[in-house]
Amino acid sequence: MASLSRPSLPSCLCSFLLLLLQVSSSYAGQFRVIGPRHPIRALVGDEVELPCRISPGKNATGMEVGWYRPPFSRVVHLYRNGKDQDGEQAPEYRGRTELLKDAIGEGKVTLRIRNVRFSDEGGFTCFFRDHSYQEEAAMELKVEDPFYWVSPGVLVLLAVLPVLLLQITVGLVFLCLQYRLRGKLRAEIENLHRTFGQFLEELRNPF
């Protein structure tokens, strides 16, 4: 009876290494997309920048990068095949956006929106697509009216101003009282001096 042949150790090792290589290559292109943690604030009429990056950092020049607005996936800006695809933008964003690609070689990009409108307030989604693999990150934009917006420095000033006014008022009242007291004291001293002079005059001329 012929005995069954067993696979040799080198062939098993080669098969295992090949499987490991396939698994590692399938995960090699994966990454995470990271955006701002906190809402970004902007004033109506100003410009705002929405940063976005991939981690670990890698060259994203050949990737598809874009921003859209949920829930209807309106395209805010799209970068594909090394070019900005302006024709696919939603009408309200045409001519108002610019993709800053200075650090795209490190996987970092920033979307600049000019002439911010109240309608821009809300959620934005940034995505990176490398072939069939895609990841995205959500961010929020808060739009404020410049006529009602108060800077932190102004808030501090408004909080400190009443205290300063109170101190100035108290100081002025104190000075007025001090001036009056000095006037009264000066008058009393002059009156006392006059009375004492009369007394001395009477002592000199008793009759």
N, C-alpha and C. Protein backbone atom coordinates (compact mmCIF):
# COMPACT_ATOMS: atom_id res chain seq x y z
N MET A 1 0.86 -1.20 0.00
CA MET A 1 0.00 0.00 0.00
C MET A 1 0.89 1.24 0.00
N ALA A 2 0.56 2.14 -0.90
CA ALA A 2 1.37 3.36 -0.98
C ALA A 2 1.04 4.29 0.16
N SER A 3 2.03 4.82 0.76
CA SER A 3 1.83 5.74 1.89
C SER A 3 1.54 7.14 1.37
N LEU A 4 0.65 7.85 2.12
CA LEU A 4 0.31 9.23 1.75
C LEU A 4 1.50 10.14 2.04
N SER A 5 1.80 10.99 1.08
CA SER A 5 2.93 11.92 1.25
C SER A 5 2.49 13.12 2.08
N ARG A 6 3.33 13.52 2.98
CA ARG A 6 3.05 14.68 3.83
C ARG A 6 3.78 15.91 3.28
N PRO A 7 3.13 17.07 3.39
CA PRO A 7 3.80 18.28 2.91
C PRO A 7 5.04 18.57 3.73
N SER A 8 6.06 18.96 3.07
CA SER A 8 7.31 19.25 3.76
C SER A 8 7.20 20.54 4.55
N LEU A 9 8.08 20.70 5.53
CA LEU A 9 8.06 21.89 6.39
C LEU A 9 8.33 23.17 5.61
N PRO A 10 9.29 23.18 4.69
CA PRO A 10 9.51 24.44 3.94
C PRO A 10 8.29 24.88 3.14
N SER A 11 7.55 23.93 2.54
CA SER A 11 6.36 24.32 1.78
C SER A 11 5.28 24.89 2.68
N CYS A 12 5.11 24.33 3.88
CA CYS A 12 4.13 24.87 4.83
C CYS A 12 4.52 26.26 5.28
N LEU A 13 5.82 26.45 5.50
CA LEU A 13 6.30 27.76 5.93
C LEU A 13 6.10 28.81 4.85
N CYS A 14 6.34 28.41 3.61
CA CYS A 14 6.13 29.35 2.50
C CYS A 14 4.67 29.72 2.36
N SER A 15 3.77 28.74 2.53
CA SER A 15 2.33 29.02 2.44
C SER A 15 1.90 29.97 3.55
N PHE A 16 2.44 29.76 4.76
CA PHE A 16 2.08 30.63 5.88
C PHE A 16 2.57 32.05 5.64
N LEU A 17 3.79 32.20 5.16
CA LEU A 17 4.33 33.53 4.89
C LEU A 17 3.56 34.23 3.78
N LEU A 18 3.13 33.46 2.78
CA LEU A 18 2.34 34.05 1.70
C LEU A 18 1.00 34.54 2.21
N LEU A 19 0.35 33.75 3.08
CA LEU A 19 -0.92 34.16 3.66
C LEU A 19 -0.74 35.40 4.53
N LEU A 20 0.33 35.43 5.32
CA LEU A 20 0.60 36.58 6.17
C LEU A 20 0.85 37.83 5.34
N LEU A 21 1.53 37.67 4.22
CA LEU A 21 1.79 38.81 3.34
C LEU A 21 0.51 39.34 2.73
N GLN A 22 -0.40 38.45 2.37
CA GLN A 22 -1.67 38.88 1.80
C GLN A 22 -2.51 39.63 2.82
N VAL A 23 -2.52 39.13 4.07
CA VAL A 23 -3.30 39.79 5.12
C VAL A 23 -2.72 41.16 5.43
N SER A 24 -1.37 41.22 5.54
CA SER A 24 -0.75 42.51 5.85
C SER A 24 -0.94 43.52 4.73
N SER A 25 -0.90 43.06 3.50
CA SER A 25 -1.10 43.98 2.38
C SER A 25 -2.52 44.49 2.30
N SER A 26 -3.47 43.67 2.76
CA SER A 26 -4.87 44.11 2.75
C SER A 26 -5.11 45.21 3.76
N TYR A 27 -4.27 45.26 4.83
CA TYR A 27 -4.42 46.29 5.85
C TYR A 27 -3.45 47.46 5.64
N ALA A 28 -2.57 47.32 4.67
CA ALA A 28 -1.54 48.34 4.50
C ALA A 28 -2.12 49.69 4.10
N GLY A 29 -3.20 49.71 3.34
CA GLY A 29 -3.75 50.96 2.86
C GLY A 29 -4.75 51.60 3.80
N GLN A 30 -4.98 51.03 4.96
CA GLN A 30 -5.99 51.56 5.85
C GLN A 30 -5.43 52.72 6.66
N PHE A 31 -6.33 53.64 7.03
CA PHE A 31 -5.96 54.83 7.78
C PHE A 31 -7.21 55.37 8.46
N ARG A 32 -7.01 56.36 9.29
CA ARG A 32 -8.11 57.06 9.95
C ARG A 32 -8.12 58.51 9.48
N VAL A 33 -9.30 59.09 9.45
CA VAL A 33 -9.44 60.51 9.10
C VAL A 33 -9.78 61.28 10.37
N ILE A 34 -9.05 62.34 10.61
CA ILE A 34 -9.19 63.12 11.84
C ILE A 34 -9.53 64.57 11.50
N GLY A 35 -10.57 65.07 12.14
CA GLY A 35 -10.97 66.47 11.96
C GLY A 35 -11.00 67.19 13.30
N PRO A 36 -11.42 68.44 13.34
CA PRO A 36 -11.48 69.19 14.59
C PRO A 36 -12.45 68.55 15.58
N ARG A 37 -12.04 68.51 16.84
CA ARG A 37 -12.90 67.93 17.88
C ARG A 37 -14.03 68.87 18.26
N HIS A 38 -13.72 70.15 18.29
CA HIS A 38 -14.70 71.15 18.74
C HIS A 38 -15.25 71.93 17.54
N PRO A 39 -16.44 72.50 17.69
CA PRO A 39 -17.00 73.30 16.60
C PRO A 39 -16.10 74.46 16.22
N ILE A 40 -16.05 74.75 14.93
CA ILE A 40 -15.29 75.89 14.42
C ILE A 40 -16.24 77.07 14.27
N ARG A 41 -15.81 78.24 14.74
CA ARG A 41 -16.68 79.42 14.72
C ARG A 41 -16.21 80.41 13.66
N ALA A 42 -17.17 81.05 13.03
CA ALA A 42 -16.85 82.04 12.00
C ALA A 42 -17.94 83.11 12.00
N LEU A 43 -17.57 84.29 11.51
CA LEU A 43 -18.52 85.40 11.39
C LEU A 43 -19.04 85.49 9.97
N VAL A 44 -20.26 85.94 9.85
CA VAL A 44 -20.86 86.12 8.52
C VAL A 44 -20.01 87.10 7.71
N GLY A 45 -19.70 86.71 6.48
CA GLY A 45 -18.89 87.56 5.61
C GLY A 45 -17.41 87.29 5.67
N ASP A 46 -16.94 86.62 6.72
CA ASP A 46 -15.52 86.29 6.83
C ASP A 46 -15.21 85.00 6.10
N GLU A 47 -13.98 84.53 6.22
CA GLU A 47 -13.62 83.23 5.68
C GLU A 47 -13.25 82.30 6.83
N VAL A 48 -13.38 81.01 6.60
CA VAL A 48 -13.12 80.01 7.64
C VAL A 48 -12.35 78.86 7.02
N GLU A 49 -11.56 78.18 7.84
CA GLU A 49 -10.77 77.04 7.38
C GLU A 49 -11.15 75.79 8.16
N LEU A 50 -11.42 74.71 7.43
CA LEU A 50 -11.78 73.43 8.02
C LEU A 50 -10.64 72.45 7.77
N PRO A 51 -9.83 72.14 8.79
CA PRO A 51 -8.70 71.23 8.59
C PRO A 51 -9.12 69.77 8.67
N CYS A 52 -8.35 68.92 7.99
CA CYS A 52 -8.64 67.48 7.98
C CYS A 52 -7.33 66.75 7.63
N ARG A 53 -7.11 65.58 8.24
CA ARG A 53 -5.87 64.84 7.98
C ARG A 53 -6.11 63.35 8.17
N ILE A 54 -5.16 62.57 7.67
CA ILE A 54 -5.22 61.12 7.84
C ILE A 54 -4.14 60.69 8.81
N SER A 55 -4.41 59.60 9.51
CA SER A 55 -3.45 59.04 10.46
C SER A 55 -3.40 57.53 10.28
N PRO A 56 -2.22 56.97 10.10
CA PRO A 56 -0.91 57.63 10.07
C PRO A 56 -0.74 58.47 8.82
N GLY A 57 0.07 59.52 8.94
CA GLY A 57 0.26 60.43 7.81
C GLY A 57 0.94 59.75 6.63
N LYS A 58 0.45 60.04 5.44
CA LYS A 58 1.03 59.50 4.21
C LYS A 58 0.68 60.44 3.07
N ASN A 59 1.33 60.25 1.96
CA ASN A 59 1.10 61.10 0.80
C ASN A 59 -0.30 60.87 0.25
N ALA A 60 -1.11 61.93 0.23
CA ALA A 60 -2.49 61.81 -0.24
C ALA A 60 -2.69 62.48 -1.59
N THR A 61 -1.60 62.76 -2.30
CA THR A 61 -1.72 63.43 -3.60
C THR A 61 -2.55 62.62 -4.58
N GLY A 62 -2.39 61.31 -4.56
CA GLY A 62 -3.13 60.47 -5.49
C GLY A 62 -4.47 60.01 -4.99
N MET A 63 -4.89 60.47 -3.81
CA MET A 63 -6.17 60.06 -3.25
C MET A 63 -7.28 61.00 -3.71
N GLU A 64 -8.49 60.57 -3.45
CA GLU A 64 -9.66 61.44 -3.64
C GLU A 64 -10.01 62.04 -2.29
N VAL A 65 -10.08 63.35 -2.25
CA VAL A 65 -10.34 64.07 -1.01
C VAL A 65 -11.52 65.00 -1.24
N GLY A 66 -12.39 65.09 -0.26
CA GLY A 66 -13.54 65.96 -0.45
C GLY A 66 -14.26 66.29 0.84
N TRP A 67 -15.14 67.26 0.73
CA TRP A 67 -16.05 67.65 1.82
C TRP A 67 -17.47 67.63 1.25
N TYR A 68 -18.37 67.12 2.05
CA TYR A 68 -19.78 67.19 1.67
C TYR A 68 -20.59 67.49 2.91
N ARG A 69 -21.86 67.85 2.68
CA ARG A 69 -22.73 68.20 3.79
C ARG A 69 -23.85 67.18 3.90
N PRO A 70 -23.95 66.55 5.05
CA PRO A 70 -25.07 65.64 5.25
C PRO A 70 -26.35 66.45 5.46
N PRO A 71 -27.53 65.86 5.32
CA PRO A 71 -27.76 64.43 5.06
C PRO A 71 -27.87 64.09 3.58
N PHE A 72 -27.82 65.08 2.69
CA PHE A 72 -28.06 64.80 1.27
C PHE A 72 -26.77 64.77 0.46
N SER A 73 -25.64 64.75 1.14
CA SER A 73 -24.33 64.63 0.50
C SER A 73 -24.11 65.69 -0.57
N ARG A 74 -24.43 66.93 -0.24
CA ARG A 74 -24.13 68.03 -1.16
C ARG A 74 -22.62 68.25 -1.18
N VAL A 75 -22.04 68.24 -2.36
CA VAL A 75 -20.59 68.36 -2.50
C VAL A 75 -20.16 69.81 -2.24
N VAL A 76 -19.33 70.00 -1.23
CA VAL A 76 -18.78 71.32 -0.94
C VAL A 76 -17.51 71.55 -1.76
N HIS A 77 -16.64 70.53 -1.76
CA HIS A 77 -15.41 70.61 -2.56
C HIS A 77 -14.92 69.19 -2.81
N LEU A 78 -14.38 68.96 -4.02
CA LEU A 78 -13.91 67.62 -4.39
C LEU A 78 -12.57 67.73 -5.11
N TYR A 79 -11.64 66.89 -4.66
CA TYR A 79 -10.30 66.81 -5.27
C TYR A 79 -10.09 65.37 -5.74
N ARG A 80 -9.84 65.23 -7.03
CA ARG A 80 -9.70 63.88 -7.60
C ARG A 80 -8.71 63.93 -8.77
N ASN A 81 -7.90 62.88 -8.89
CA ASN A 81 -6.91 62.78 -9.98
C ASN A 81 -5.98 63.98 -10.00
N GLY A 82 -5.65 64.47 -8.80
CA GLY A 82 -4.72 65.58 -8.70
C GLY A 82 -5.29 66.94 -9.06
N LYS A 83 -6.62 67.05 -9.23
CA LYS A 83 -7.24 68.31 -9.62
C LYS A 83 -8.50 68.56 -8.80
N ASP A 84 -8.85 69.84 -8.66
CA ASP A 84 -10.11 70.22 -8.03
C ASP A 84 -11.23 70.05 -9.05
N GLN A 85 -12.28 69.34 -8.64
CA GLN A 85 -13.42 69.08 -9.52
C GLN A 85 -14.51 70.10 -9.24
N ASP A 86 -14.33 71.31 -9.76
CA ASP A 86 -15.27 72.40 -9.47
C ASP A 86 -16.66 72.13 -10.03
N GLY A 87 -16.74 71.37 -11.10
CA GLY A 87 -18.04 71.14 -11.73
C GLY A 87 -18.97 70.28 -10.91
N GLU A 88 -18.45 69.59 -9.89
CA GLU A 88 -19.30 68.71 -9.08
C GLU A 88 -19.75 69.37 -7.79
N GLN A 89 -19.38 70.64 -7.61
CA GLN A 89 -19.77 71.34 -6.39
C GLN A 89 -21.25 71.69 -6.39
N ALA A 90 -21.80 71.79 -5.19
CA ALA A 90 -23.16 72.33 -5.04
C ALA A 90 -23.13 73.80 -5.45
N PRO A 91 -24.20 74.30 -6.08
CA PRO A 91 -24.19 75.68 -6.60
C PRO A 91 -23.83 76.72 -5.55
N GLU A 92 -24.26 76.53 -4.31
CA GLU A 92 -24.02 77.56 -3.30
C GLU A 92 -22.56 77.65 -2.86
N TYR A 93 -21.73 76.69 -3.29
CA TYR A 93 -20.32 76.73 -2.90
C TYR A 93 -19.38 77.02 -4.07
N ARG A 94 -19.89 77.16 -5.24
CA ARG A 94 -19.04 77.44 -6.40
C ARG A 94 -18.42 78.83 -6.28
N GLY A 95 -17.11 78.87 -6.44
CA GLY A 95 -16.39 80.14 -6.34
C GLY A 95 -16.11 80.59 -4.93
N ARG A 96 -16.52 79.81 -3.93
CA ARG A 96 -16.31 80.22 -2.54
C ARG A 96 -15.34 79.32 -1.79
N THR A 97 -14.86 78.24 -2.40
CA THR A 97 -14.01 77.29 -1.69
C THR A 97 -12.63 77.20 -2.32
N GLU A 98 -11.69 76.79 -1.49
CA GLU A 98 -10.31 76.58 -1.94
C GLU A 98 -9.70 75.48 -1.09
N LEU A 99 -9.08 74.50 -1.73
CA LEU A 99 -8.42 73.41 -1.01
C LEU A 99 -6.94 73.76 -0.85
N LEU A 100 -6.52 73.90 0.40
CA LEU A 100 -5.12 74.21 0.69
C LEU A 100 -4.34 72.90 0.76
N LYS A 101 -3.44 72.71 -0.19
CA LYS A 101 -2.75 71.42 -0.35
C LYS A 101 -1.26 71.50 -0.04
N ASP A 102 -0.85 72.49 0.73
CA ASP A 102 0.58 72.64 1.01
C ASP A 102 1.16 71.42 1.72
N ALA A 103 0.36 70.76 2.57
CA ALA A 103 0.85 69.61 3.34
C ALA A 103 0.17 68.32 2.91
N ILE A 104 -0.33 68.25 1.67
CA ILE A 104 -1.02 67.04 1.23
C ILE A 104 -0.05 65.86 1.14
N GLY A 105 1.24 66.15 0.99
CA GLY A 105 2.23 65.08 0.98
C GLY A 105 2.35 64.38 2.32
N GLU A 106 1.85 65.02 3.39
CA GLU A 106 1.83 64.42 4.72
C GLU A 106 0.43 63.96 5.10
N GLY A 107 -0.51 64.05 4.17
CA GLY A 107 -1.88 63.64 4.46
C GLY A 107 -2.69 64.70 5.16
N LYS A 108 -2.30 65.98 5.02
CA LYS A 108 -3.02 67.07 5.69
C LYS A 108 -3.54 68.05 4.64
N VAL A 109 -4.82 68.37 4.73
CA VAL A 109 -5.42 69.35 3.83
C VAL A 109 -6.35 70.25 4.64
N THR A 110 -6.69 71.40 4.06
CA THR A 110 -7.59 72.34 4.72
C THR A 110 -8.52 72.93 3.68
N LEU A 111 -9.79 72.97 4.00
CA LEU A 111 -10.77 73.59 3.11
C LEU A 111 -11.04 75.01 3.58
N ARG A 112 -10.85 75.97 2.70
CA ARG A 112 -11.13 77.37 3.02
C ARG A 112 -12.44 77.77 2.34
N ILE A 113 -13.35 78.32 3.13
CA ILE A 113 -14.63 78.81 2.63
C ILE A 113 -14.65 80.32 2.79
N ARG A 114 -14.87 81.03 1.71
CA ARG A 114 -14.91 82.49 1.73
C ARG A 114 -16.35 82.98 1.80
N ASN A 115 -16.49 84.22 2.28
CA ASN A 115 -17.80 84.86 2.35
C ASN A 115 -18.82 83.95 3.05
N VAL A 116 -18.51 83.64 4.31
CA VAL A 116 -19.35 82.72 5.08
C VAL A 116 -20.77 83.24 5.19
N ARG A 117 -21.73 82.31 5.05
CA ARG A 117 -23.16 82.64 5.14
C ARG A 117 -23.77 81.91 6.32
N PHE A 118 -24.95 82.40 6.72
CA PHE A 118 -25.67 81.70 7.78
C PHE A 118 -26.02 80.28 7.36
N SER A 119 -26.25 80.08 6.07
CA SER A 119 -26.62 78.75 5.57
C SER A 119 -25.46 77.76 5.66
N ASP A 120 -24.24 78.26 5.89
CA ASP A 120 -23.09 77.36 6.03
C ASP A 120 -23.04 76.70 7.39
N GLU A 121 -23.82 77.19 8.33
CA GLU A 121 -23.77 76.61 9.67
C GLU A 121 -24.29 75.17 9.66
N GLY A 122 -23.61 74.34 10.44
CA GLY A 122 -24.04 72.94 10.54
C GLY A 122 -22.88 71.98 10.33
N GLY A 123 -23.23 70.75 9.97
CA GLY A 123 -22.24 69.69 9.85
C GLY A 123 -21.58 69.62 8.48
N PHE A 124 -20.30 69.26 8.50
CA PHE A 124 -19.52 68.98 7.30
C PHE A 124 -18.83 67.63 7.49
N THR A 125 -18.63 66.91 6.40
CA THR A 125 -17.92 65.64 6.46
C THR A 125 -16.75 65.67 5.50
N CYS A 126 -15.57 65.36 6.02
CA CYS A 126 -14.35 65.27 5.21
C CYS A 126 -14.04 63.80 4.97
N PHE A 127 -13.64 63.46 3.75
CA PHE A 127 -13.31 62.06 3.46
C PHE A 127 -12.05 61.96 2.62
N PHE A 128 -11.34 60.85 2.81
CA PHE A 128 -10.19 60.46 1.99
C PHE A 128 -10.51 59.09 1.40
N ARG A 129 -10.28 58.94 0.11
CA ARG A 129 -10.53 57.66 -0.55
C ARG A 129 -9.27 57.23 -1.29
N ASP A 130 -8.78 56.05 -0.95
CA ASP A 130 -7.61 55.46 -1.60
C ASP A 130 -8.05 54.18 -2.29
N HIS A 131 -8.27 54.26 -3.61
CA HIS A 131 -8.82 53.14 -4.38
C HIS A 131 -10.21 52.80 -3.85
N SER A 132 -10.37 51.63 -3.27
CA SER A 132 -11.70 51.24 -2.77
C SER A 132 -11.86 51.49 -1.28
N TYR A 133 -10.81 51.96 -0.63
CA TYR A 133 -10.87 52.18 0.82
C TYR A 133 -11.15 53.65 1.10
N GLN A 134 -12.12 53.91 1.96
CA GLN A 134 -12.52 55.28 2.28
C GLN A 134 -12.79 55.42 3.77
N GLU A 135 -12.34 56.53 4.33
CA GLU A 135 -12.66 56.89 5.71
C GLU A 135 -13.05 58.36 5.73
N GLU A 136 -13.79 58.75 6.76
CA GLU A 136 -14.27 60.13 6.84
C GLU A 136 -14.35 60.59 8.28
N ALA A 137 -14.49 61.90 8.44
CA ALA A 137 -14.61 62.51 9.77
C ALA A 137 -15.62 63.65 9.69
N ALA A 138 -16.41 63.79 10.73
CA ALA A 138 -17.43 64.84 10.79
C ALA A 138 -16.92 66.03 11.59
N MET A 139 -17.38 67.20 11.23
CA MET A 139 -17.03 68.42 11.93
C MET A 139 -18.21 69.38 11.89
N GLU A 140 -18.18 70.41 12.74
CA GLU A 140 -19.31 71.33 12.83
C GLU A 140 -18.84 72.77 12.71
N LEU A 141 -19.61 73.56 12.00
CA LEU A 141 -19.31 74.98 11.82
C LEU A 141 -20.41 75.81 12.47
N LYS A 142 -20.01 76.76 13.31
CA LYS A 142 -20.93 77.69 13.95
C LYS A 142 -20.75 79.06 13.30
N VAL A 143 -21.84 79.62 12.80
CA VAL A 143 -21.79 80.93 12.14
C VAL A 143 -22.48 81.95 13.03
N GLU A 144 -21.81 83.07 13.28
CA GLU A 144 -22.33 84.09 14.18
C GLU A 144 -22.42 85.44 13.47
N ASP A 145 -23.37 86.23 13.93
CA ASP A 145 -23.56 87.57 13.38
C ASP A 145 -22.53 88.52 13.98
N PRO A 146 -21.76 89.23 13.16
CA PRO A 146 -20.74 90.13 13.72
C PRO A 146 -21.33 91.26 14.56
N PHE A 147 -22.59 91.62 14.35
CA PHE A 147 -23.20 92.70 15.13
C PHE A 147 -23.54 92.26 16.54
N TYR A 148 -23.69 90.95 16.75
CA TYR A 148 -24.03 90.45 18.07
C TYR A 148 -22.90 89.64 18.68
N TRP A 149 -21.81 89.49 17.94
CA TRP A 149 -20.69 88.70 18.45
C TRP A 149 -19.81 89.56 19.33
N VAL A 150 -19.47 89.06 20.50
CA VAL A 150 -18.63 89.78 21.45
C VAL A 150 -17.38 88.96 21.71
N SER A 151 -16.23 89.56 21.54
CA SER A 151 -14.98 88.84 21.75
C SER A 151 -14.75 88.60 23.23
N PRO A 152 -13.92 87.61 23.59
CA PRO A 152 -13.62 87.36 25.01
C PRO A 152 -13.03 88.58 25.70
N GLY A 153 -12.20 89.35 24.99
CA GLY A 153 -11.62 90.54 25.60
C GLY A 153 -12.68 91.56 25.98
N VAL A 154 -13.69 91.71 25.13
CA VAL A 154 -14.78 92.65 25.43
C VAL A 154 -15.59 92.15 26.62
N LEU A 155 -15.80 90.84 26.72
CA LEU A 155 -16.53 90.29 27.86
C LEU A 155 -15.79 90.57 29.16
N VAL A 156 -14.47 90.41 29.14
CA VAL A 156 -13.68 90.70 30.33
C VAL A 156 -13.79 92.18 30.68
N LEU A 157 -13.73 93.04 29.66
CA LEU A 157 -13.85 94.48 29.90
C LEU A 157 -15.20 94.84 30.49
N LEU A 158 -16.26 94.22 29.97
CA LEU A 158 -17.60 94.48 30.50
C LEU A 158 -17.73 94.02 31.94
N ALA A 159 -17.01 92.97 32.30
CA ALA A 159 -17.07 92.48 33.67
C ALA A 159 -16.26 93.36 34.62
N VAL A 160 -15.15 93.90 34.13
CA VAL A 160 -14.27 94.71 34.99
C VAL A 160 -14.72 96.16 35.06
N LEU A 161 -15.37 96.65 34.01
CA LEU A 161 -15.74 98.07 33.94
C LEU A 161 -16.60 98.53 35.12
N PRO A 162 -17.66 97.79 35.52
CA PRO A 162 -18.46 98.25 36.68
C PRO A 162 -17.63 98.38 37.95
N VAL A 163 -16.68 97.47 38.15
CA VAL A 163 -15.83 97.54 39.34
C VAL A 163 -14.96 98.80 39.30
N LEU A 164 -14.41 99.08 38.11
CA LEU A 164 -13.59 100.28 37.97
C LEU A 164 -14.41 101.55 38.20
N LEU A 165 -15.62 101.57 37.65
CA LEU A 165 -16.48 102.74 37.85
C LEU A 165 -16.82 102.93 39.32
N LEU A 166 -17.07 101.82 40.02
CA LEU A 166 -17.38 101.91 41.45
C LEU A 166 -16.18 102.45 42.23
N GLN A 167 -14.99 101.96 41.90
CA GLN A 167 -13.80 102.45 42.59
C GLN A 167 -13.56 103.93 42.31
N ILE A 168 -13.77 104.34 41.07
CA ILE A 168 -13.59 105.76 40.74
C ILE A 168 -14.60 106.63 41.49
N THR A 169 -15.85 106.16 41.55
CA THR A 169 -16.89 106.92 42.26
C THR A 169 -16.57 107.06 43.74
N VAL A 170 -16.16 105.95 44.35
CA VAL A 170 -15.80 105.99 45.77
C VAL A 170 -14.63 106.93 46.00
N GLY A 171 -13.65 106.88 45.09
CA GLY A 171 -12.49 107.77 45.22
C GLY A 171 -12.87 109.23 45.12
N LEU A 172 -13.76 109.56 44.17
CA LEU A 172 -14.20 110.95 44.02
C LEU A 172 -14.97 111.43 45.24
N VAL A 173 -15.84 110.58 45.77
CA VAL A 173 -16.60 110.95 46.98
C VAL A 173 -15.65 111.19 48.14
N PHE A 174 -14.65 110.32 48.27
CA PHE A 174 -13.68 110.48 49.35
C PHE A 174 -12.91 111.79 49.21
N LEU A 175 -12.51 112.12 47.98
CA LEU A 175 -11.79 113.37 47.76
C LEU A 175 -12.66 114.58 48.08
N CYS A 176 -13.94 114.51 47.69
CA CYS A 176 -14.85 115.63 47.99
C CYS A 176 -15.02 115.81 49.49
N LEU A 177 -15.20 114.70 50.20
CA LEU A 177 -15.35 114.78 51.65
C LEU A 177 -14.08 115.31 52.29
N GLN A 178 -12.94 114.82 51.78
CA GLN A 178 -11.67 115.28 52.33
C GLN A 178 -11.48 116.77 52.08
N TYR A 179 -11.89 117.23 50.91
CA TYR A 179 -11.76 118.66 50.58
C TYR A 179 -12.66 119.49 51.49
N ARG A 180 -13.88 119.01 51.71
CA ARG A 180 -14.80 119.75 52.58
C ARG A 180 -14.28 119.79 54.01
N LEU A 181 -13.77 118.64 54.47
CA LEU A 181 -13.25 118.61 55.83
C LEU A 181 -12.06 119.54 55.98
N ARG A 182 -11.22 119.56 54.95
CA ARG A 182 -10.08 120.47 55.00
C ARG A 182 -10.55 121.93 55.04
N GLY A 183 -11.59 122.26 54.25
CA GLY A 183 -12.12 123.61 54.26
C GLY A 183 -12.69 124.00 55.61
N LYS A 184 -13.44 123.08 56.22
CA LYS A 184 -14.01 123.36 57.53
C LYS A 184 -12.91 123.50 58.58
N LEU A 185 -11.91 122.61 58.48
CA LEU A 185 -10.82 122.68 59.46
C LEU A 185 -10.04 123.98 59.31
N ARG A 186 -9.82 124.39 58.06
CA ARG A 186 -9.11 125.64 57.84
C ARG A 186 -9.91 126.83 58.40
N ALA A 187 -11.24 126.80 58.19
CA ALA A 187 -12.08 127.89 58.71
C ALA A 187 -12.07 127.92 60.23
N GLU A 188 -12.11 126.74 60.86
CA GLU A 188 -12.10 126.69 62.32
C GLU A 188 -10.76 127.18 62.87
N ILE A 189 -9.66 126.81 62.18
CA ILE A 189 -8.35 127.27 62.64
C ILE A 189 -8.24 128.79 62.52
N GLU A 190 -8.73 129.32 61.40
CA GLU A 190 -8.69 130.77 61.22
C GLU A 190 -9.57 131.47 62.27
N ASN A 191 -10.73 130.91 62.57
CA ASN A 191 -11.61 131.49 63.58
C ASN A 191 -10.96 131.44 64.96
N LEU A 192 -10.31 130.29 65.25
CA LEU A 192 -9.63 130.15 66.54
C LEU A 192 -8.47 131.13 66.64
N HIS A 193 -7.74 131.29 65.55
CA HIS A 193 -6.62 132.23 65.55
C HIS A 193 -7.12 133.66 65.75
N ARG A 194 -8.24 134.00 65.14
CA ARG A 194 -8.81 135.33 65.28
C ARG A 194 -9.26 135.57 66.72
N THR A 195 -9.92 134.55 67.29
CA THR A 195 -10.40 134.67 68.67
C THR A 195 -9.24 134.81 69.64
N PHE A 196 -8.18 134.02 69.40
CA PHE A 196 -7.01 134.08 70.27
C PHE A 196 -6.32 135.44 70.15
N GLY A 197 -6.32 135.98 68.93
CA GLY A 197 -5.72 137.31 68.74
C GLY A 197 -6.51 138.37 69.49
N GLN A 198 -7.84 138.26 69.44
CA GLN A 198 -8.66 139.22 70.18
C GLN A 198 -8.43 139.10 71.69
N PHE A 199 -8.24 137.85 72.14
CA PHE A 199 -8.01 137.62 73.56
C PHE A 199 -6.69 138.24 74.01
N LEU A 200 -5.66 138.08 73.18
CA LEU A 200 -4.38 138.69 73.50
C LEU A 200 -4.47 140.21 73.49
N GLU A 201 -5.23 140.73 72.56
CA GLU A 201 -5.39 142.19 72.48
C GLU A 201 -6.09 142.72 73.72
N GLU A 202 -7.05 141.98 74.24
CA GLU A 202 -7.76 142.39 75.46
C GLU A 202 -6.84 142.33 76.67
N LEU A 203 -5.92 141.33 76.67
CA LEU A 203 -4.98 141.24 77.78
C LEU A 203 -4.01 142.41 77.78
N ARG A 204 -3.63 142.87 76.61
CA ARG A 204 -2.72 143.98 76.53
C ARG A 204 -3.39 145.31 76.91
N ASN A 205 -4.63 145.44 76.57
CA ASN A 205 -5.36 146.66 76.86
C ASN A 205 -6.59 146.32 77.69
N PRO A 206 -6.38 146.08 78.98
CA PRO A 206 -7.54 145.68 79.80
C PRO A 206 -8.55 146.81 79.97
N PHE A 207 -8.12 148.06 79.87
CA PHE A 207 -9.03 149.18 80.09
C PHE A 207 -9.20 149.98 78.83
